[in-house]
Amino acid sequence: MIIRLATLGDAAAIARVHTETWRGTYRGQMPDSVLDGLDSMFSTKFWTEHLQAGDITTFLIEIKNDIAGFCCLMPSRDPDADKKIVGEIAAINISPRYWRQGAGRKLCERAMKEARTSGLTTLTLWVLETNHSAQRFYEAMGLSLDGGRKTIALGGADLPEVRYRCVLSGRETLLVGK
């Protein structure tokens, strides 16, 4: 497994992984119309724009020369967060054919390392309240629910999300709430 920074030329591969992951993960958790309507051309354009903007650090993981997943790290989008010290994992997606092979763990660890190196002291992420598999993964990575809740509207449905958080310190991640 190789982890590297995404380049503009990776936009189509990221879009493919994004689509595969959403369809594999969220069926039954969000409207089928959203998942069935995912468009690779639109998604490639979206990722091209994000990679060009350069405001999000996007890591890729390759397995046997195939882009298996990606993770996006950015300053927190939460209105009450100090963006100088609070970072957010805005996305972590692993193609279903690479689930449970350690790729997600490696990407998450790389994002945590980058966050610490960048001087961030706290890392957060939002996950659908119904995505119990992802919640178990984040808990295994040392993140804990912090009480943050919000609802996003997608495809005519209101989808509740919960926030996870960990405190970063030096080389170790302090397990909040454990």
C-alpha atoms as a PDB file:
ATOM      1  CA  MET A   1       0.000   0.000   0.000  1.00  0.00           C
ATOM      2  CA  ILE A   2       1.311   3.402  -1.003  1.00  0.00           C
ATOM      3  CA  ILE A   3      -0.073   6.670   0.351  1.00  0.00           C
ATOM      4  CA  ARG A   4       0.556   9.850  -1.593  1.00  0.00           C
ATOM      5  CA  LEU A   5      -0.911  13.287  -2.171  1.00  0.00           C
ATOM      6  CA  ALA A   6      -3.524  13.490  -4.891  1.00  0.00           C
ATOM      7  CA  THR A   7      -2.733  15.383  -8.065  1.00  0.00           C
ATOM      8  CA  LEU A   8      -5.050  16.971 -10.594  1.00  0.00           C
ATOM      9  CA  GLY A   9      -4.646  13.896 -12.793  1.00  0.00           C
ATOM     10  CA  ASP A  10      -6.255  11.772 -10.057  1.00  0.00           C
ATOM     11  CA  ALA A  11      -9.670  13.490 -10.226  1.00  0.00           C
ATOM     12  CA  ALA A  12     -11.353  10.762 -12.301  1.00  0.00           C
ATOM     13  CA  ALA A  13     -10.002   7.965 -10.065  1.00  0.00           C
ATOM     14  CA  ILE A  14     -11.163   9.807  -6.939  1.00  0.00           C
ATOM     15  CA  ALA A  15     -14.593  10.278  -8.535  1.00  0.00           C
ATOM     16  CA  ARG A  16     -14.766   6.538  -9.285  1.00  0.00           C
ATOM     17  CA  VAL A  17     -13.862   5.606  -5.699  1.00  0.00           C
ATOM     18  CA  HIS A  18     -16.275   8.205  -4.346  1.00  0.00           C
ATOM     19  CA  THR A  19     -19.158   6.789  -6.409  1.00  0.00           C
ATOM     20  CA  GLU A  20     -18.321   3.138  -5.616  1.00  0.00           C
ATOM     21  CA  THR A  21     -17.995   3.860  -1.909  1.00  0.00           C
ATOM     22  CA  TRP A  22     -21.213   5.833  -1.612  1.00  0.00           C
ATOM     23  CA  ARG A  23     -23.173   3.169  -3.476  1.00  0.00           C
ATOM     24  CA  GLY A  24     -21.634   0.408  -1.357  1.00  0.00           C
ATOM     25  CA  THR A  25     -21.981   2.211   1.963  1.00  0.00           C
ATOM     26  CA  TYR A  26     -25.136   4.294   1.894  1.00  0.00           C
ATOM     27  CA  ARG A  27     -27.711   2.017   0.214  1.00  0.00           C
ATOM     28  CA  GLY A  28     -30.572   1.959   2.721  1.00  0.00           C
ATOM     29  CA  GLN A  29     -29.182   4.979   4.593  1.00  0.00           C
ATOM     30  CA  MET A  30     -30.037   7.648   2.047  1.00  0.00           C
ATOM     31  CA  PRO A  31     -32.442   7.830  -0.882  1.00  0.00           C
ATOM     32  CA  ASP A  32     -31.705   5.431  -3.732  1.00  0.00           C
ATOM     33  CA  SER A  33     -32.280   8.322  -6.135  1.00  0.00           C
ATOM     34  CA  VAL A  34     -29.167  10.056  -4.757  1.00  0.00           C
ATOM     35  CA  LEU A  35     -27.012   6.949  -5.147  1.00  0.00           C
ATOM     36  CA  ASP A  36     -28.407   5.968  -8.540  1.00  0.00           C
ATOM     37  CA  GLY A  37     -27.991   9.542  -9.750  1.00  0.00           C
ATOM     38  CA  LEU A  38     -24.284   9.781  -8.997  1.00  0.00           C
ATOM     39  CA  ASP A  39     -22.650  10.941 -12.206  1.00  0.00           C
ATOM     40  CA  SER A  40     -18.965  10.265 -12.875  1.00  0.00           C
ATOM     41  CA  MET A  41     -18.605  13.293 -15.177  1.00  0.00           C
ATOM     42  CA  PHE A  42     -20.068  15.638 -12.556  1.00  0.00           C
ATOM     43  CA  SER A  43     -18.023  13.989  -9.810  1.00  0.00           C
ATOM     44  CA  THR A  44     -14.803  14.266 -11.838  1.00  0.00           C
ATOM     45  CA  LYS A  45     -15.505  17.974 -12.395  1.00  0.00           C
ATOM     46  CA  PHE A  46     -16.174  18.410  -8.658  1.00  0.00           C
ATOM     47  CA  TRP A  47     -12.883  16.719  -7.703  1.00  0.00           C
ATOM     48  CA  THR A  48     -10.938  18.592 -10.382  1.00  0.00           C
ATOM     49  CA  GLU A  49     -12.165  21.886  -8.917  1.00  0.00           C
ATOM     50  CA  HIS A  50     -11.294  20.836  -5.359  1.00  0.00           C
ATOM     51  CA  LEU A  51      -7.832  19.676  -6.318  1.00  0.00           C
ATOM     52  CA  GLN A  52      -7.223  22.895  -8.263  1.00  0.00           C
ATOM     53  CA  ALA A  53      -8.351  25.038  -5.321  1.00  0.00           C
ATOM     54  CA  GLY A  54      -5.737  23.437  -3.081  1.00  0.00           C
ATOM     55  CA  ASP A  55      -7.630  24.220   0.129  1.00  0.00           C
ATOM     56  CA  ILE A  56      -8.078  20.559   1.062  1.00  0.00           C
ATOM     57  CA  THR A  57      -5.242  18.079   1.527  1.00  0.00           C
ATOM     58  CA  THR A  58      -6.253  14.881  -0.256  1.00  0.00           C
ATOM     59  CA  PHE A  59      -4.339  11.674   0.331  1.00  0.00           C
ATOM     60  CA  LEU A  60      -4.705   8.626  -1.904  1.00  0.00           C
ATOM     61  CA  ILE A  61      -3.924   5.034  -1.117  1.00  0.00           C
ATOM     62  CA  GLU A  62      -2.823   2.771  -3.941  1.00  0.00           C
ATOM     63  CA  ILE A  63      -2.905  -1.006  -3.868  1.00  0.00           C
ATOM     64  CA  LYS A  64      -1.178  -2.725  -6.784  1.00  0.00           C
ATOM     65  CA  ASN A  65      -1.284   0.501  -8.851  1.00  0.00           C
ATOM     66  CA  ASP A  66      -5.020   0.931  -8.258  1.00  0.00           C
ATOM     67  CA  ILE A  67      -6.447   3.920  -6.382  1.00  0.00           C
ATOM     68  CA  ALA A  68      -8.169   2.109  -3.515  1.00  0.00           C
ATOM     69  CA  GLY A  69      -9.302   5.122  -1.521  1.00  0.00           C
ATOM     70  CA  PHE A  70      -8.830   8.708  -0.467  1.00  0.00           C
ATOM     71  CA  CYS A  71      -8.985  10.907   2.606  1.00  0.00           C
ATOM     72  CA  CYS A  72      -9.503  14.674   2.729  1.00  0.00           C
ATOM     73  CA  LEU A  73      -8.138  16.829   5.546  1.00  0.00           C
ATOM     74  CA  MET A  74      -9.061  20.472   5.932  1.00  0.00           C
ATOM     75  CA  PRO A  75      -9.639  23.164   8.560  1.00  0.00           C
ATOM     76  CA  SER A  76     -12.847  22.494  10.467  1.00  0.00           C
ATOM     77  CA  ARG A  77     -16.020  23.747   8.806  1.00  0.00           C
ATOM     78  CA  ASP A  78     -17.827  23.985  12.142  1.00  0.00           C
ATOM     79  CA  PRO A  79     -18.781  27.594  12.890  1.00  0.00           C
ATOM     80  CA  ASP A  80     -17.684  27.349  16.532  1.00  0.00           C
ATOM     81  CA  ALA A  81     -14.252  25.841  15.794  1.00  0.00           C
ATOM     82  CA  ASP A  82     -10.933  27.674  15.823  1.00  0.00           C
ATOM     83  CA  LYS A  83      -9.749  26.758  12.319  1.00  0.00           C
ATOM     84  CA  LYS A  84      -6.120  27.356  13.333  1.00  0.00           C
ATOM     85  CA  ILE A  85      -6.140  24.399  15.726  1.00  0.00           C
ATOM     86  CA  VAL A  86      -9.138  22.247  14.715  1.00  0.00           C
ATOM     87  CA  GLY A  87      -8.966  20.133  11.581  1.00  0.00           C
ATOM     88  CA  GLU A  88     -11.619  17.992   9.958  1.00  0.00           C
ATOM     89  CA  ILE A  89     -11.503  14.770   8.034  1.00  0.00           C
ATOM     90  CA  ALA A  90     -14.025  15.855   5.418  1.00  0.00           C
ATOM     91  CA  ALA A  91     -14.069  12.493   3.621  1.00  0.00           C
ATOM     92  CA  ILE A  92     -12.567   9.069   3.881  1.00  0.00           C
ATOM     93  CA  ASN A  93     -13.673   6.654   1.182  1.00  0.00           C
ATOM     94  CA  ILE A  94     -12.366   3.179   0.416  1.00  0.00           C
ATOM     95  CA  SER A  95     -13.593   1.280  -2.628  1.00  0.00           C
ATOM     96  CA  PRO A  96     -15.696  -1.686  -1.411  1.00  0.00           C
ATOM     97  CA  ARG A  97     -13.338  -4.209  -3.006  1.00  0.00           C
ATOM     98  CA  TYR A  98     -10.635  -3.001  -0.574  1.00  0.00           C
ATOM     99  CA  TRP A  99     -12.726  -2.923   2.600  1.00  0.00           C
ATOM    100  CA  ARG A 100     -11.219  -4.518   5.706  1.00  0.00           C
ATOM    101  CA  GLN A 101      -7.692  -4.658   4.303  1.00  0.00           C
ATOM    102  CA  GLY A 102      -6.234  -1.825   6.397  1.00  0.00           C
ATOM    103  CA  ALA A 103      -6.432   0.927   3.768  1.00  0.00           C
ATOM    104  CA  GLY A 104      -8.848   3.067   5.786  1.00  0.00           C
ATOM    105  CA  ARG A 105      -6.709   2.757   8.909  1.00  0.00           C
ATOM    106  CA  LYS A 106      -3.573   3.771   7.025  1.00  0.00           C
ATOM    107  CA  LEU A 107      -5.299   6.797   5.453  1.00  0.00           C
ATOM    108  CA  CYS A 108      -6.755   7.890   8.785  1.00  0.00           C
ATOM    109  CA  GLU A 109      -3.363   7.543  10.489  1.00  0.00           C
ATOM    110  CA  ARG A 110      -1.761   9.612   7.695  1.00  0.00           C
ATOM    111  CA  ALA A 111      -4.381  12.353   8.116  1.00  0.00           C
ATOM    112  CA  MET A 112      -3.803  12.398  11.876  1.00  0.00           C
ATOM    113  CA  LYS A 113      -0.053  12.667  11.364  1.00  0.00           C
ATOM    114  CA  GLU A 114      -0.505  15.525   8.881  1.00  0.00           C
ATOM    115  CA  ALA A 115      -2.879  17.296  11.277  1.00  0.00           C
ATOM    116  CA  ARG A 116      -0.322  17.098  14.120  1.00  0.00           C
ATOM    117  CA  THR A 117       2.510  18.213  11.815  1.00  0.00           C
ATOM    118  CA  SER A 118       0.390  21.188  10.742  1.00  0.00           C
ATOM    119  CA  GLY A 119      -0.014  22.286  14.368  1.00  0.00           C
ATOM    120  CA  LEU A 120      -3.611  21.182  14.789  1.00  0.00           C
ATOM    121  CA  THR A 121      -4.568  20.036  18.282  1.00  0.00           C
ATOM    122  CA  THR A 122      -7.999  18.564  17.546  1.00  0.00           C
ATOM    123  CA  LEU A 123      -9.462  16.550  14.711  1.00  0.00           C
ATOM    124  CA  THR A 124     -13.171  16.103  13.998  1.00  0.00           C
ATOM    125  CA  LEU A 125     -15.347  14.387  11.440  1.00  0.00           C
ATOM    126  CA  TRP A 126     -19.052  14.005  10.736  1.00  0.00           C
ATOM    127  CA  VAL A 127     -20.734  10.685   9.973  1.00  0.00           C
ATOM    128  CA  LEU A 128     -24.310   9.662   9.260  1.00  0.00           C
ATOM    129  CA  GLU A 129     -25.997   8.582  12.461  1.00  0.00           C
ATOM    130  CA  THR A 130     -27.050   5.363  10.706  1.00  0.00           C
ATOM    131  CA  ASN A 131     -23.527   4.465   9.515  1.00  0.00           C
ATOM    132  CA  HIS A 132     -22.649   2.171  12.413  1.00  0.00           C
ATOM    133  CA  SER A 133     -19.816   0.445  10.563  1.00  0.00           C
ATOM    134  CA  ALA A 134     -17.990   3.753  10.058  1.00  0.00           C
ATOM    135  CA  GLN A 135     -18.678   4.729  13.663  1.00  0.00           C
ATOM    136  CA  ARG A 136     -17.014   1.528  14.916  1.00  0.00           C
ATOM    137  CA  PHE A 137     -14.048   2.262  12.646  1.00  0.00           C
ATOM    138  CA  TYR A 138     -13.657   5.827  13.951  1.00  0.00           C
ATOM    139  CA  GLU A 139     -13.897   4.615  17.541  1.00  0.00           C
ATOM    140  CA  ALA A 140     -11.171   2.045  16.837  1.00  0.00           C
ATOM    141  CA  MET A 141      -9.062   4.922  15.469  1.00  0.00           C
ATOM    142  CA  GLY A 142      -9.382   6.792  18.770  1.00  0.00           C
ATOM    143  CA  LEU A 143     -12.178   9.211  17.964  1.00  0.00           C
ATOM    144  CA  SER A 144     -15.187   9.596  20.249  1.00  0.00           C
ATOM    145  CA  LEU A 145     -18.640  11.085  19.920  1.00  0.00           C
ATOM    146  CA  ASP A 146     -18.550  14.637  21.257  1.00  0.00           C
ATOM    147  CA  GLY A 147     -22.280  15.433  21.302  1.00  0.00           C
ATOM    148  CA  GLY A 148     -22.263  17.436  18.056  1.00  0.00           C
ATOM    149  CA  ARG A 149     -25.292  16.795  15.863  1.00  0.00           C
ATOM    150  CA  LYS A 150     -26.587  18.265  12.624  1.00  0.00           C
ATOM    151  CA  THR A 151     -28.932  17.320   9.833  1.00  0.00           C
ATOM    152  CA  ILE A 152     -28.121  17.497   6.142  1.00  0.00           C
ATOM    153  CA  ALA A 153     -30.754  17.549   3.406  1.00  0.00           C
ATOM    154  CA  LEU A 154     -30.006  15.217   0.515  1.00  0.00           C
ATOM    155  CA  GLY A 155     -32.342  13.902  -2.157  1.00  0.00           C
ATOM    156  CA  GLY A 156     -35.400  15.147  -0.298  1.00  0.00           C
ATOM    157  CA  ALA A 157     -34.423  13.407   2.927  1.00  0.00           C
ATOM    158  CA  ASP A 158     -33.148  14.840   6.186  1.00  0.00           C
ATOM    159  CA  LEU A 159     -30.114  12.824   7.257  1.00  0.00           C
ATOM    160  CA  PRO A 160     -28.868  13.199  10.841  1.00  0.00           C
ATOM    161  CA  GLU A 161     -25.119  13.261  11.399  1.00  0.00           C
ATOM    162  CA  VAL A 162     -23.051  12.946  14.567  1.00  0.00           C
ATOM    163  CA  ARG A 163     -19.609  14.397  15.202  1.00  0.00           C
ATOM    164  CA  TYR A 164     -16.535  12.488  16.293  1.00  0.00           C
ATOM    165  CA  ARG A 165     -13.456  14.127  17.788  1.00  0.00           C
ATOM    166  CA  CYS A 166      -9.971  13.323  19.029  1.00  0.00           C
ATOM    167  CA  VAL A 167      -7.359  15.467  20.691  1.00  0.00           C
ATOM    168  CA  LEU A 168      -3.973  15.306  19.008  1.00  0.00           C
ATOM    169  CA  SER A 169      -0.793  15.711  21.008  1.00  0.00           C
ATOM    170  CA  GLY A 170       2.747  15.172  19.804  1.00  0.00           C
ATOM    171  CA  ARG A 171       3.180  11.666  18.470  1.00  0.00           C
ATOM    172  CA  GLU A 172       0.208  10.118  20.250  1.00  0.00           C
ATOM    173  CA  THR A 173      -3.500  10.605  19.862  1.00  0.00           C
ATOM    174  CA  LEU A 174      -5.184  11.154  23.204  1.00  0.00           C
ATOM    175  CA  LEU A 175      -8.290   9.035  23.392  1.00  0.00           C
ATOM    176  CA  VAL A 176     -11.082  11.389  24.359  1.00  0.00           C
ATOM    177  CA  GLY A 177     -13.720   9.827  26.586  1.00  0.00           C
ATOM    178  CA  LYS A 178     -11.795   6.596  27.202  1.00  0.00           C
END
